[in-house]
């Protein structure tokens, strides 16, 4: 996911809001999810974040795909 935000917005607060809202929406749409996760914690602790500057989406996706393959983690869709 690529997100553009104000430099004054804390990354950790932005991620916390995204995780909270997306978890709530998913659990509203799929109520059985709430029963599968202890205390309704949908997301794991931790996140990766870096500034891409003028790097294109294609370059970022290539980087991510390379690292997914090198770890044997194919969550490409």
N, C-alpha and C. Protein backbone atom coordinates (compact mmCIF):
# COMPACT_ATOMS: atom_id res chain seq x y z
N UNK A 1 0.85 -1.16 0.00
CA UNK A 1 0.00 0.00 0.00
C UNK A 1 0.91 1.23 0.00
N UNK A 2 0.61 2.17 -0.83
CA UNK A 2 1.37 3.41 -0.88
C UNK A 2 0.48 4.53 -0.35
N UNK A 3 0.98 5.28 0.61
CA UNK A 3 0.20 6.34 1.25
C UNK A 3 1.00 7.62 1.23
N UNK A 4 0.32 8.70 0.95
CA UNK A 4 0.93 10.02 1.02
C UNK A 4 0.32 10.73 2.22
N UNK A 5 1.17 11.33 3.06
CA UNK A 5 0.64 12.02 4.24
C UNK A 5 1.46 13.27 4.52
N UNK A 6 0.92 14.06 5.41
CA UNK A 6 1.62 15.27 5.83
C UNK A 6 2.84 14.90 6.66
N UNK A 7 3.94 15.63 6.51
CA UNK A 7 5.14 15.33 7.29
C UNK A 7 4.91 15.48 8.80
N UNK A 8 3.93 16.28 9.18
CA UNK A 8 3.66 16.50 10.61
C UNK A 8 2.89 15.35 11.25
N UNK A 9 2.36 14.43 10.45
CA UNK A 9 1.59 13.31 10.97
C UNK A 9 2.53 12.17 11.34
N UNK A 10 2.45 11.72 12.57
CA UNK A 10 3.29 10.61 13.03
C UNK A 10 2.92 9.34 12.28
N UNK A 11 3.93 8.64 11.80
CA UNK A 11 3.71 7.39 11.06
C UNK A 11 2.99 6.38 11.94
N UNK A 12 3.41 6.26 13.20
CA UNK A 12 2.80 5.26 14.08
C UNK A 12 1.31 5.56 14.32
N UNK A 13 0.96 6.82 14.42
CA UNK A 13 -0.45 7.19 14.60
C UNK A 13 -1.23 6.89 13.32
N UNK A 14 -0.66 7.19 12.17
CA UNK A 14 -1.31 6.90 10.89
C UNK A 14 -1.58 5.39 10.76
N UNK A 15 -0.57 4.57 11.05
CA UNK A 15 -0.73 3.12 10.94
C UNK A 15 -1.76 2.61 11.93
N UNK A 16 -1.73 3.13 13.15
CA UNK A 16 -2.69 2.72 14.17
C UNK A 16 -4.12 3.02 13.72
N UNK A 17 -4.33 4.18 13.13
CA UNK A 17 -5.67 4.55 12.65
C UNK A 17 -6.09 3.66 11.48
N UNK A 18 -5.17 3.39 10.55
CA UNK A 18 -5.48 2.52 9.41
C UNK A 18 -5.82 1.10 9.87
N UNK A 19 -5.02 0.58 10.80
CA UNK A 19 -5.27 -0.76 11.30
C UNK A 19 -6.60 -0.83 12.05
N UNK A 20 -6.85 0.15 12.89
CA UNK A 20 -8.09 0.15 13.67
C UNK A 20 -9.33 0.23 12.79
N UNK A 21 -9.31 1.14 11.86
CA UNK A 21 -10.46 1.34 10.98
C UNK A 21 -10.67 0.15 10.05
N UNK A 22 -9.59 -0.36 9.47
CA UNK A 22 -9.73 -1.49 8.55
C UNK A 22 -10.18 -2.75 9.30
N UNK A 23 -9.67 -2.96 10.51
CA UNK A 23 -10.09 -4.09 11.32
C UNK A 23 -11.57 -3.99 11.64
N UNK A 24 -12.02 -2.83 12.05
CA UNK A 24 -13.43 -2.61 12.37
C UNK A 24 -14.31 -2.88 11.15
N UNK A 25 -13.92 -2.34 10.00
CA UNK A 25 -14.71 -2.54 8.78
C UNK A 25 -14.77 -4.01 8.37
N UNK A 26 -13.63 -4.70 8.44
CA UNK A 26 -13.61 -6.11 8.09
C UNK A 26 -14.47 -6.94 9.04
N UNK A 27 -14.42 -6.62 10.33
CA UNK A 27 -15.22 -7.37 11.30
C UNK A 27 -16.70 -7.05 11.18
N UNK A 28 -17.03 -5.87 10.70
CA UNK A 28 -18.43 -5.55 10.44
C UNK A 28 -18.95 -6.34 9.24
N UNK A 29 -18.12 -6.44 8.22
CA UNK A 29 -18.51 -7.15 7.01
C UNK A 29 -18.48 -8.67 7.20
N UNK A 30 -17.52 -9.15 7.99
CA UNK A 30 -17.35 -10.58 8.23
C UNK A 30 -17.33 -10.84 9.74
N UNK A 31 -18.50 -10.92 10.39
CA UNK A 31 -18.56 -11.07 11.85
C UNK A 31 -17.80 -12.28 12.40
N UNK A 32 -17.64 -13.32 11.60
CA UNK A 32 -16.94 -14.51 12.08
C UNK A 32 -15.45 -14.22 12.35
N UNK A 33 -14.91 -13.18 11.76
CA UNK A 33 -13.50 -12.83 12.00
C UNK A 33 -13.26 -12.50 13.47
N UNK A 34 -14.20 -11.79 14.07
CA UNK A 34 -14.06 -11.39 15.46
C UNK A 34 -13.95 -12.57 16.40
N UNK A 35 -14.55 -13.68 16.03
CA UNK A 35 -14.50 -14.88 16.87
C UNK A 35 -13.19 -15.63 16.71
N UNK A 36 -12.50 -15.41 15.61
CA UNK A 36 -11.25 -16.13 15.32
C UNK A 36 -10.03 -15.47 15.96
N UNK A 37 -10.14 -14.21 16.33
CA UNK A 37 -8.98 -13.47 16.84
C UNK A 37 -9.20 -13.09 18.29
N UNK A 38 -8.25 -13.48 19.13
CA UNK A 38 -8.34 -13.20 20.56
C UNK A 38 -8.47 -11.69 20.78
N UNK A 39 -9.43 -11.32 21.55
CA UNK A 39 -9.66 -9.91 21.91
C UNK A 39 -9.82 -9.02 20.67
N UNK A 40 -10.23 -9.62 19.56
CA UNK A 40 -10.49 -8.89 18.32
C UNK A 40 -9.26 -8.19 17.76
N UNK A 41 -8.06 -8.68 18.07
CA UNK A 41 -6.83 -8.12 17.50
C UNK A 41 -6.60 -8.75 16.14
N UNK A 42 -6.85 -7.99 15.11
CA UNK A 42 -6.78 -8.51 13.75
C UNK A 42 -5.39 -8.40 13.16
N UNK A 43 -4.69 -7.30 13.43
CA UNK A 43 -3.38 -7.06 12.84
C UNK A 43 -2.28 -7.44 13.82
N UNK A 44 -1.14 -7.86 13.29
CA UNK A 44 0.02 -8.17 14.13
C UNK A 44 0.70 -6.86 14.53
N UNK A 45 1.55 -6.95 15.54
CA UNK A 45 2.29 -5.77 15.99
C UNK A 45 3.46 -5.56 15.03
N UNK A 46 3.63 -4.34 14.60
CA UNK A 46 4.75 -4.00 13.73
C UNK A 46 4.31 -3.61 12.34
N UNK A 47 5.15 -2.85 11.67
CA UNK A 47 4.89 -2.42 10.30
C UNK A 47 6.19 -1.95 9.69
N UNK A 48 6.21 -1.91 8.37
CA UNK A 48 7.37 -1.40 7.66
C UNK A 48 7.00 -0.09 6.99
N UNK A 49 7.90 0.84 7.02
CA UNK A 49 7.61 2.14 6.44
C UNK A 49 8.90 2.76 5.93
N UNK A 50 8.84 3.30 4.73
CA UNK A 50 9.99 4.02 4.20
C UNK A 50 9.50 5.06 3.22
N UNK A 51 10.30 6.07 3.04
CA UNK A 51 9.99 7.13 2.10
C UNK A 51 10.48 6.71 0.73
N UNK A 52 9.62 6.87 -0.27
CA UNK A 52 10.01 6.48 -1.62
C UNK A 52 10.44 7.66 -2.48
N UNK A 53 10.19 8.86 -2.01
CA UNK A 53 10.59 10.02 -2.79
C UNK A 53 10.01 9.97 -4.19
N UNK A 54 10.88 9.99 -5.17
CA UNK A 54 10.43 9.98 -6.56
C UNK A 54 10.53 8.60 -7.21
N UNK A 55 10.62 7.57 -6.40
CA UNK A 55 10.66 6.21 -6.92
C UNK A 55 9.26 5.83 -7.39
N UNK A 56 9.17 5.16 -8.51
CA UNK A 56 7.86 4.80 -9.06
C UNK A 56 7.26 3.60 -8.33
N UNK A 57 5.95 3.44 -8.47
CA UNK A 57 5.26 2.28 -7.91
C UNK A 57 5.85 0.99 -8.46
N UNK A 58 6.23 0.98 -9.71
CA UNK A 58 6.79 -0.22 -10.33
C UNK A 58 8.08 -0.65 -9.62
N UNK A 59 8.93 0.30 -9.27
CA UNK A 59 10.18 -0.02 -8.59
C UNK A 59 9.89 -0.56 -7.18
N UNK A 60 8.96 0.04 -6.47
CA UNK A 60 8.59 -0.43 -5.14
C UNK A 60 8.02 -1.85 -5.22
N UNK A 61 7.13 -2.09 -6.17
CA UNK A 61 6.54 -3.42 -6.33
C UNK A 61 7.58 -4.47 -6.69
N UNK A 62 8.54 -4.09 -7.53
CA UNK A 62 9.62 -5.01 -7.89
C UNK A 62 10.45 -5.37 -6.66
N UNK A 63 10.75 -4.39 -5.85
CA UNK A 63 11.49 -4.60 -4.61
C UNK A 63 10.74 -5.56 -3.68
N UNK A 64 9.45 -5.30 -3.48
CA UNK A 64 8.64 -6.14 -2.59
C UNK A 64 8.54 -7.56 -3.12
N UNK A 65 8.34 -7.69 -4.42
CA UNK A 65 8.22 -9.02 -5.02
C UNK A 65 9.53 -9.80 -4.87
N UNK A 66 10.64 -9.14 -5.06
CA UNK A 66 11.95 -9.79 -4.91
C UNK A 66 12.10 -10.35 -3.49
N UNK A 67 11.72 -9.56 -2.49
CA UNK A 67 11.88 -9.98 -1.11
C UNK A 67 10.85 -11.04 -0.72
N UNK A 68 9.68 -11.00 -1.30
CA UNK A 68 8.70 -12.05 -1.04
C UNK A 68 9.23 -13.38 -1.56
N UNK A 69 9.79 -13.38 -2.75
CA UNK A 69 10.31 -14.62 -3.35
C UNK A 69 11.52 -15.14 -2.59
N UNK A 70 12.38 -14.24 -2.13
CA UNK A 70 13.59 -14.68 -1.45
C UNK A 70 13.27 -15.31 -0.09
N UNK A 71 12.14 -14.96 0.50
CA UNK A 71 11.74 -15.53 1.79
C UNK A 71 10.76 -16.68 1.61
N UNK A 72 10.37 -16.96 0.36
CA UNK A 72 9.40 -18.02 0.12
C UNK A 72 8.01 -17.63 0.57
N UNK A 73 7.74 -16.35 0.64
CA UNK A 73 6.46 -15.83 1.12
C UNK A 73 5.71 -15.24 -0.06
N UNK A 74 4.85 -16.01 -0.66
CA UNK A 74 4.13 -15.53 -1.85
C UNK A 74 2.72 -15.10 -1.48
N UNK A 75 2.59 -13.85 -1.03
CA UNK A 75 1.28 -13.28 -0.71
C UNK A 75 0.89 -12.27 -1.78
N UNK A 76 1.19 -12.58 -3.01
CA UNK A 76 0.99 -11.61 -4.10
C UNK A 76 -0.46 -11.50 -4.54
N UNK A 77 -1.35 -12.19 -3.91
CA UNK A 77 -2.73 -11.95 -4.30
C UNK A 77 -3.49 -13.15 -4.37
